[in-house]
Protein backbone atom coordinates (compact mmCIF):
# COMPACT_ATOMS: atom_id res chain seq x y z
CA MET A 1 16.50 25.73 25.31
CA MET A 2 17.73 25.37 21.73
CA ILE A 3 18.70 21.93 20.52
CA ASP A 4 21.60 21.59 18.14
CA ASN A 5 20.33 19.40 15.30
CA ALA A 6 23.65 19.28 13.47
CA GLY A 7 24.71 15.74 12.69
CA LYS A 8 21.45 14.14 13.81
CA GLN A 9 20.05 11.30 11.75
CA THR A 10 16.55 11.70 10.32
CA LEU A 11 13.64 9.35 10.95
CA LEU A 12 10.47 9.33 8.88
CA VAL A 13 7.45 8.13 10.84
CA ILE A 14 4.51 7.16 8.60
CA GLU A 15 1.79 6.75 11.20
CA ASN A 16 -1.80 7.97 11.09
CA THR A 17 -2.57 7.52 14.79
CA THR A 18 -1.90 10.70 16.74
CA GLU A 19 -1.26 8.90 20.02
CA ASN A 20 1.30 6.51 18.53
CA PHE A 21 3.17 9.27 16.73
CA ALA A 22 3.23 11.35 19.91
CA LEU A 23 4.80 8.45 21.81
CA ILE A 24 7.40 7.81 19.09
CA ASN A 25 8.21 11.51 18.85
CA LYS A 26 8.61 11.86 22.62
CA THR A 27 10.84 8.77 22.73
CA LEU A 28 13.17 9.74 19.89
CA GLN A 29 13.07 13.52 19.36
CA ASN A 30 16.08 14.29 21.56
CA THR A 31 18.28 11.90 19.59
CA TYR A 32 16.99 12.17 16.02
CA LEU A 33 15.29 14.59 13.65
CA ILE A 34 11.70 13.41 13.23
CA GLU A 35 9.59 13.83 10.08
CA HIS A 36 5.95 12.76 10.15
CA ALA A 37 3.47 11.65 7.52
CA SER A 38 -0.04 10.57 8.41
CA ASP A 39 -0.71 8.91 5.05
CA SER A 40 1.21 6.93 2.45
CA LYS A 41 1.17 9.63 -0.23
CA LYS A 42 2.94 12.17 1.97
CA GLY A 43 5.21 9.44 3.32
CA LEU A 44 6.41 8.41 -0.13
CA LYS A 45 6.92 12.07 -1.07
CA LEU A 46 9.12 12.70 1.98
CA ALA A 47 11.06 9.47 1.45
CA LEU A 48 11.79 10.41 -2.17
CA SER A 49 12.74 14.01 -1.37
CA ASP A 50 16.20 15.51 -1.86
CA ASN A 51 16.92 14.78 1.81
CA PRO A 52 15.72 11.20 2.34
CA PRO A 53 15.45 9.78 5.87
CA ASP A 54 17.99 7.45 7.42
CA LEU A 55 15.26 5.08 8.65
CA ILE A 56 11.49 4.74 8.24
CA LEU A 57 8.98 3.64 10.88
CA LEU A 58 5.95 2.48 8.89
CA ASP A 59 2.48 1.61 10.15
CA THR A 60 1.04 -1.43 8.39
CA ALA A 61 -2.52 -0.02 8.56
CA LEU A 62 -2.71 3.31 6.73
CA PRO A 63 -5.99 4.82 5.46
CA ASP A 64 -5.10 5.15 1.77
CA MET A 65 -2.56 2.37 1.13
CA ASP A 66 -1.37 -0.35 3.50
CA GLY A 67 2.18 -0.30 4.78
CA TYR A 68 3.16 -3.40 2.82
CA GLU A 69 2.43 -1.66 -0.46
CA VAL A 70 4.32 1.44 0.70
CA CYS A 71 7.32 -0.74 1.55
CA ARG A 72 7.14 -2.48 -1.82
CA ARG A 73 7.24 0.87 -3.60
CA LEU A 74 10.12 2.10 -1.47
CA LYS A 75 12.16 -0.99 -2.28
CA GLU A 76 11.49 -0.57 -6.01
CA GLN A 77 13.11 2.88 -6.08
CA PRO A 78 16.93 3.09 -6.20
CA GLU A 79 16.80 6.24 -4.06
CA THR A 80 14.99 4.52 -1.20
CA GLN A 81 15.65 0.80 -1.54
CA ASN A 82 18.45 0.80 1.05
CA ILE A 83 16.60 2.80 3.71
CA PRO A 84 15.78 0.49 6.65
CA VAL A 85 12.04 0.08 7.16
CA ILE A 86 10.62 -1.01 10.52
CA PHE A 87 6.95 -1.99 10.47
CA ILE A 88 4.59 -0.93 13.26
CA ALA A 89 1.68 -3.34 13.56
CA ALA A 90 -1.36 -3.70 15.80
CA GLU A 91 -0.66 -7.42 15.96
CA SER A 92 1.82 -9.78 14.41
CA SER A 93 1.97 -13.39 13.27
CA PRO A 94 4.81 -15.37 11.68
CA ALA A 95 3.01 -15.19 8.33
CA GLU A 96 2.63 -11.41 8.54
CA GLU A 97 6.24 -10.97 9.60
CA GLU A 98 7.49 -13.17 6.77
CA LYS A 99 5.38 -11.15 4.34
CA GLY A 100 6.87 -7.87 5.54
CA LEU A 101 10.43 -9.12 5.75
CA ALA A 102 10.14 -10.60 2.27
CA LEU A 103 9.27 -7.12 1.01
CA GLY A 104 12.52 -5.80 2.44
CA ALA A 105 11.60 -4.51 5.90
CA VAL A 106 14.20 -5.09 8.60
CA ASP A 107 11.99 -5.50 11.67
CA TYR A 108 8.55 -5.49 13.27
CA ILE A 109 7.35 -3.62 16.37
CA THR A 110 3.92 -4.47 17.72
CA LYS A 111 1.48 -2.20 19.51
CA PRO A 112 1.12 -1.09 22.24
CA LEU A 113 4.49 0.51 21.62
CA SER A 114 7.17 0.20 24.29
CA PRO A 115 9.55 3.22 24.30
CA PRO A 116 12.65 1.13 25.24
CA ILE A 117 11.95 -1.33 22.42
CA VAL A 118 11.35 1.45 19.89
CA LYS A 119 14.57 3.18 20.94
CA ASN A 120 16.60 -0.07 20.86
CA ARG A 121 15.33 -1.23 17.45
CA VAL A 122 15.92 2.17 15.83
CA LYS A 123 19.42 2.42 17.30
CA THR A 124 20.29 -1.13 16.20
CA HIS A 125 19.17 -0.75 12.60
CA LEU A 126 20.78 2.66 12.17
CA ALA A 127 24.04 1.14 13.42
CA ILE A 128 23.68 -1.64 10.86
CA LYS A 129 23.04 0.89 8.11
CA ASP A 130 26.08 2.93 9.15
CA SER A 131 28.23 -0.20 9.19
CA ILE A 132 27.14 -1.19 5.69
CA GLU A 133 27.76 2.31 4.32
CA THR A 134 31.21 2.45 5.92
CA ILE A 135 32.15 -0.89 4.45
CA HIS A 136 30.91 0.06 0.98
CA HIS A 137 32.97 3.25 1.18
CA ARG A 138 36.09 1.33 2.18
CA ILE A 139 35.59 -1.09 -0.70
CA TYR A 140 35.13 1.76 -3.18
CA ILE A 141 38.29 3.52 -1.98
CA LYS A 142 40.38 0.38 -2.11
CA GLN A 143 39.01 -0.68 -5.52
CA SER A 144 39.40 -4.23 -4.34
CA THR A 145 38.57 -7.33 -6.29
CA ALA A 146 35.19 -8.97 -5.83
CA ASN A 147 36.61 -11.57 -3.47
CA ASP A 148 38.43 -8.98 -1.40
CA ALA A 149 35.26 -6.92 -1.24
CA ILE A 150 33.28 -9.83 0.14
CA GLN A 151 35.97 -10.49 2.73
CA ASP A 152 35.89 -6.84 3.74
CA ILE A 153 32.15 -7.08 4.24
CA PHE A 154 32.58 -10.23 6.31
CA HIS A 155 35.23 -8.56 8.45
CA GLY A 156 33.28 -5.35 8.87
CA TYR A 157 29.75 -6.44 9.70
CA SER A 158 28.72 -6.19 13.35
CA SER A 159 25.31 -7.80 13.01
CA TYR A 160 24.24 -9.15 9.60
CA THR A 161 27.69 -10.53 9.01
CA LEU A 162 28.47 -14.02 7.80
CA LYS A 163 32.24 -13.88 7.76
CA ASP A 164 33.74 -17.23 6.91
CA GLU A 165 36.85 -17.83 9.05
CA SER A 166 35.60 -15.82 12.06
CA ILE A 167 32.01 -16.99 12.01
CA LEU A 168 32.12 -17.97 15.69
CA ALA A 169 33.00 -14.46 16.77
CA ILE A 170 30.21 -13.00 14.68
CA ALA A 171 27.57 -15.47 15.82
CA SER A 172 28.52 -14.80 19.44
CA LEU A 173 27.27 -11.22 19.01
CA ALA A 174 23.74 -12.58 19.00
CA GLU A 175 24.24 -14.10 22.46
CA SER A 176 26.86 -11.81 23.97
CA TYR A 177 25.01 -11.93 27.27
CA ASP A 178 26.33 -15.49 27.65
CA SER A 179 30.02 -15.80 28.53
CA ASP A 180 30.03 -19.46 27.49
CA ILE A 181 28.62 -18.84 24.02
CA THR A 182 31.81 -19.48 22.02
CA ASN A 183 32.21 -22.96 23.47
CA HIS A 184 28.48 -23.62 23.02
CA LEU A 185 28.87 -22.81 19.33
CA ARG A 186 31.94 -25.02 18.99
CA ARG A 187 30.26 -27.91 20.78
CA THR A 188 27.11 -27.76 18.67
CA GLN A 189 29.18 -27.54 15.48
CA HIS A 190 30.93 -30.78 16.35
CA TYR A 191 27.75 -32.53 17.57
CA VAL A 192 26.01 -31.81 14.26
CA LYS A 193 29.00 -32.88 12.19
CA ALA A 194 29.37 -36.14 14.13
CA MET A 195 25.65 -36.99 13.84
CA ALA A 196 25.60 -36.21 10.11
CA GLU A 197 28.60 -38.46 9.49
CA GLN A 198 26.99 -41.25 11.51
CA LEU A 199 23.75 -40.91 9.55
CA ILE A 200 25.54 -41.18 6.22
CA SER A 201 27.30 -44.35 7.32
CA LYS A 202 24.29 -46.13 8.81
CA VAL A 203 20.96 -45.26 7.19
CA ARG A 204 19.57 -47.62 4.58
CA ASP A 205 18.38 -44.94 2.18
CA PRO A 206 21.26 -42.76 1.01
CA LEU A 207 20.97 -39.18 2.21
CA SER A 208 21.62 -36.20 -0.01
CA LEU A 209 24.42 -35.04 2.29
CA THR A 210 27.91 -35.21 0.84
CA PRO A 211 31.20 -34.58 2.68
CA SER A 212 31.24 -31.06 1.25
CA ASP A 213 27.66 -30.57 2.49
CA ILE A 214 28.72 -31.62 5.98
CA ALA A 215 31.61 -29.17 5.89
CA LEU A 216 29.20 -26.40 4.91
CA LEU A 217 26.72 -27.52 7.55
CA TYR A 218 29.50 -27.37 10.16
CA LYS A 219 30.23 -23.74 9.21
CA SER A 220 26.54 -22.84 9.31
CA VAL A 221 25.71 -24.12 12.79
CA PRO A 222 26.96 -21.04 14.72
CA LEU A 223 24.38 -18.87 12.97
CA HIS A 224 21.39 -20.75 14.39
CA ASP A 225 20.55 -18.01 16.90
CA ILE A 226 21.77 -14.96 14.96
CA GLY A 227 18.22 -13.59 15.10
CA LYS A 228 18.58 -13.02 18.85
CA LEU A 229 20.65 -9.98 17.98
CA TYR A 230 17.37 -8.16 17.39
CA LEU A 231 15.66 -9.16 20.63
CA PRO A 232 15.51 -6.95 23.76
CA THR A 233 18.45 -7.54 26.09
CA GLU A 234 16.18 -7.79 29.12
CA ILE A 235 14.45 -10.83 27.60
CA LEU A 236 17.70 -12.53 26.62
CA GLN A 237 19.13 -12.03 30.12
CA LYS A 238 16.01 -13.12 31.99
CA LYS A 239 16.65 -16.14 34.20
CA ALA A 240 13.08 -16.89 35.33
CA GLY A 241 10.29 -18.15 33.09
CA TYR A 242 8.95 -16.02 30.27
CA THR A 243 5.51 -14.47 30.20
CA GLU A 244 3.41 -15.38 27.16
CA SER A 245 4.27 -12.04 25.56
CA GLU A 246 7.99 -12.47 26.24
CA PHE A 247 7.95 -16.00 24.82
CA ASN A 248 6.24 -14.77 21.67
CA THR A 249 8.99 -12.17 21.34
CA MET A 250 11.68 -14.81 21.87
CA ARG A 251 10.14 -17.01 19.16
CA ARG A 252 10.69 -14.22 16.62
CA HIS A 253 14.45 -14.85 16.58
CA THR A 254 13.92 -17.67 14.09
CA ILE A 255 12.27 -15.46 11.48
CA LEU A 256 14.62 -12.56 12.19
CA GLY A 257 17.61 -14.89 11.85
CA LEU A 258 16.48 -16.04 8.41
CA HIS A 259 15.97 -12.44 7.35
CA ALA A 260 19.40 -11.37 8.64
CA ILE A 261 21.11 -14.07 6.61
CA GLU A 262 19.06 -13.27 3.51
CA GLN A 263 20.01 -9.61 3.80
CA ALA A 264 23.70 -10.45 4.16
CA GLU A 265 23.38 -12.77 1.17
CA LYS A 266 21.83 -9.98 -0.88
CA VAL A 267 24.23 -7.22 0.17
CA CYS A 268 27.33 -9.40 -0.18
CA GLY A 269 26.26 -10.97 -3.46
CA ILE A 270 26.77 -14.47 -2.09
CA ASP A 271 25.48 -17.50 -3.99
CA GLY A 272 22.31 -18.66 -2.28
CA GLN A 273 23.52 -22.26 -2.19
CA TYR A 274 26.41 -21.26 0.05
CA LEU A 275 24.06 -20.18 2.84
CA HIS A 276 21.11 -22.51 2.39
CA PHE A 277 21.97 -24.59 5.48
CA ALA A 278 22.40 -21.45 7.56
CA LYS A 279 18.96 -20.23 6.50
CA GLU A 280 17.32 -23.60 7.18
CA ILE A 281 18.88 -23.87 10.62
CA ALA A 282 18.14 -20.28 11.65
CA LEU A 283 14.45 -20.59 10.73
CA SER A 284 13.64 -24.18 11.70
CA HIS A 285 15.87 -25.36 14.57
CA HIS A 286 12.93 -25.03 17.01
CA GLU A 287 10.57 -27.13 14.87
CA ARG A 288 9.71 -30.51 16.40
CA TRP A 289 9.08 -33.93 14.85
CA ASP A 290 5.44 -34.02 16.03
CA GLY A 291 4.64 -30.52 14.76
CA SER A 292 4.68 -28.86 18.19
CA GLY A 293 7.57 -26.51 17.41
CA TYR A 294 7.84 -23.05 15.90
CA PRO A 295 7.68 -20.83 13.89
CA ASN A 296 5.73 -22.85 11.30
CA GLY A 297 4.68 -26.04 13.10
CA LEU A 298 6.46 -28.26 10.57
CA LYS A 299 6.30 -32.04 11.08
CA GLU A 300 8.64 -34.94 10.47
CA LYS A 301 10.61 -34.69 7.23
CA ASP A 302 9.00 -31.42 6.25
CA ILE A 303 11.58 -30.05 8.68
CA PRO A 304 14.92 -29.66 6.85
CA LEU A 305 17.49 -32.29 7.82
CA SER A 306 19.95 -29.59 8.88
CA ALA A 307 17.40 -28.18 11.35
CA ARG A 308 16.52 -31.65 12.69
CA LEU A 309 20.19 -32.23 13.46
CA MET A 310 20.53 -28.79 15.04
CA ALA A 311 17.49 -29.36 17.25
CA VAL A 312 19.08 -32.38 18.92
CA ALA A 313 22.47 -30.71 19.29
CA ASP A 314 20.99 -27.53 20.75
CA VAL A 315 18.75 -29.27 23.29
CA TYR A 316 21.48 -31.66 24.44
CA ASP A 317 23.89 -28.79 24.98
CA ALA A 318 21.27 -26.79 26.88
CA ILE A 319 20.71 -29.73 29.22
CA ILE A 320 24.39 -30.14 30.13
CA SER A 321 25.08 -26.39 30.39
CA LYS A 322 25.20 -24.66 33.76
CA LYS A 323 23.59 -21.56 32.30
CA THR A 324 20.37 -23.45 31.73
CA TYR A 325 20.09 -25.50 34.91
CA SER A 326 21.10 -24.44 38.44
CA ASP A 327 22.96 -27.73 38.60
CA SER A 328 23.88 -28.93 35.13
CA LEU A 329 22.78 -32.46 34.38
CA SER A 330 25.20 -35.24 33.58
CA HIS A 331 25.83 -36.63 30.13
CA GLU A 332 23.95 -39.82 31.06
CA GLU A 333 20.92 -37.86 32.25
CA ALA A 334 21.00 -35.75 29.10
CA ILE A 335 21.10 -38.84 26.88
CA ASN A 336 18.03 -40.24 28.66
CA ILE A 337 16.13 -36.97 28.22
CA ILE A 338 17.05 -36.76 24.53
CA TYR A 339 16.10 -40.41 23.94
CA ALA A 340 12.71 -39.81 25.58
CA GLY A 341 12.06 -37.27 22.82
CA LYS A 342 12.45 -39.87 20.06
CA ASN A 343 9.44 -39.96 17.71
CA ASN A 344 7.77 -36.93 19.29
CA LEU A 345 10.30 -34.12 19.57
CA PHE A 346 13.13 -35.47 17.45
CA ASP A 347 13.72 -37.46 14.26
CA PRO A 348 14.06 -41.13 15.37
CA GLU A 349 16.87 -41.84 12.89
CA ILE A 350 18.85 -38.89 14.21
CA ILE A 351 18.28 -40.03 17.81
CA ASP A 352 19.56 -43.50 16.92
CA ALA A 353 22.64 -41.92 15.36
CA PHE A 354 23.10 -39.67 18.39
CA VAL A 355 22.89 -42.53 20.87
CA ALA A 356 25.25 -44.66 18.76
CA ILE A 357 27.98 -42.02 19.09
CA GLU A 358 27.12 -40.82 22.60
CA GLN A 359 30.69 -41.40 23.80
CA GLU A 360 31.98 -39.15 21.01
CA ILE A 361 29.35 -36.56 21.96
CA ASN A 362 30.51 -36.70 25.58
CA ALA A 363 34.12 -36.27 24.46
CA ILE A 364 33.19 -33.18 22.43
CA ALA A 365 31.46 -31.67 25.46
CA ALA A 366 34.56 -32.31 27.56
CA ARG A 367 36.85 -30.82 24.91
CA TYR A 368 35.03 -27.47 24.97
CA PRO A 369 33.90 -27.11 28.62
């Protein structure tokens, strides 16, 4: 049977292991055109050809040059710098992922390869690429001003987006499996804002937060879980406990969230200061005061203040939400659980601020049920 290849997107797989390439090829060949290189030299040649690929799957361990160096070279060339690169690695750690993402890769897939995960990641990142290209074309045609162009990008993104006035709708994409997500985002926004204002008014040592900082922090809160957009749906929808492997996958949403925001920042040309709270929160909202959190095991005030605030807001809202517990716990029970985490899970000053305004917190929860 002949297969019509017209209109198919092209994938370049730079992989020296025959078994892994065979699996990737079998998984994707009916949907995409597949090019293969077993070493970095051939891979770079194909990537820089007159017909460059739409996406590159790149093994980190190649015989002649490691995948990180290949990625660095691809991102240095104007012809290939915008091609999404997904690393394939025998094993992964937060440090390795940060290294790869810092070089410009969009994702990591660890071996042994899972066909559904490979298919999902490739589909997702090609959709992102198509969205970006469509938006750039619209902007070019309209010859809009710089501000209009940025707004167009905000309105058009379906995944990396950081649109200002509709940030809740965009952030909800990352947790679309949850019908309550919009109210969760609104509640946590207001919890964080209320705690920050209480801190400013009560702590002895003046904090660096200003009213404009708090306004920016409020806007940034909904992006705390944006990295979940890149996680397998079956893990996000799972109601029972995670296996160790599934939990390790879930933990990746912090690093992926930071990377997503950094990419949007780069593509949109946004001042880094505008998104610094969003990046802090996305990466560090699962860090814990005693160093038991992830991804980097930060302790105490090494954890950014924005992330320390988000940690309390996120856990409190999880406790009172029906989606987390078969019978949601009461506000009073939630307060007791949060207070028990003082000095080990959470910043003690933030807990004191939280408890001081617990009636306001309860009112916020009731306002957005």
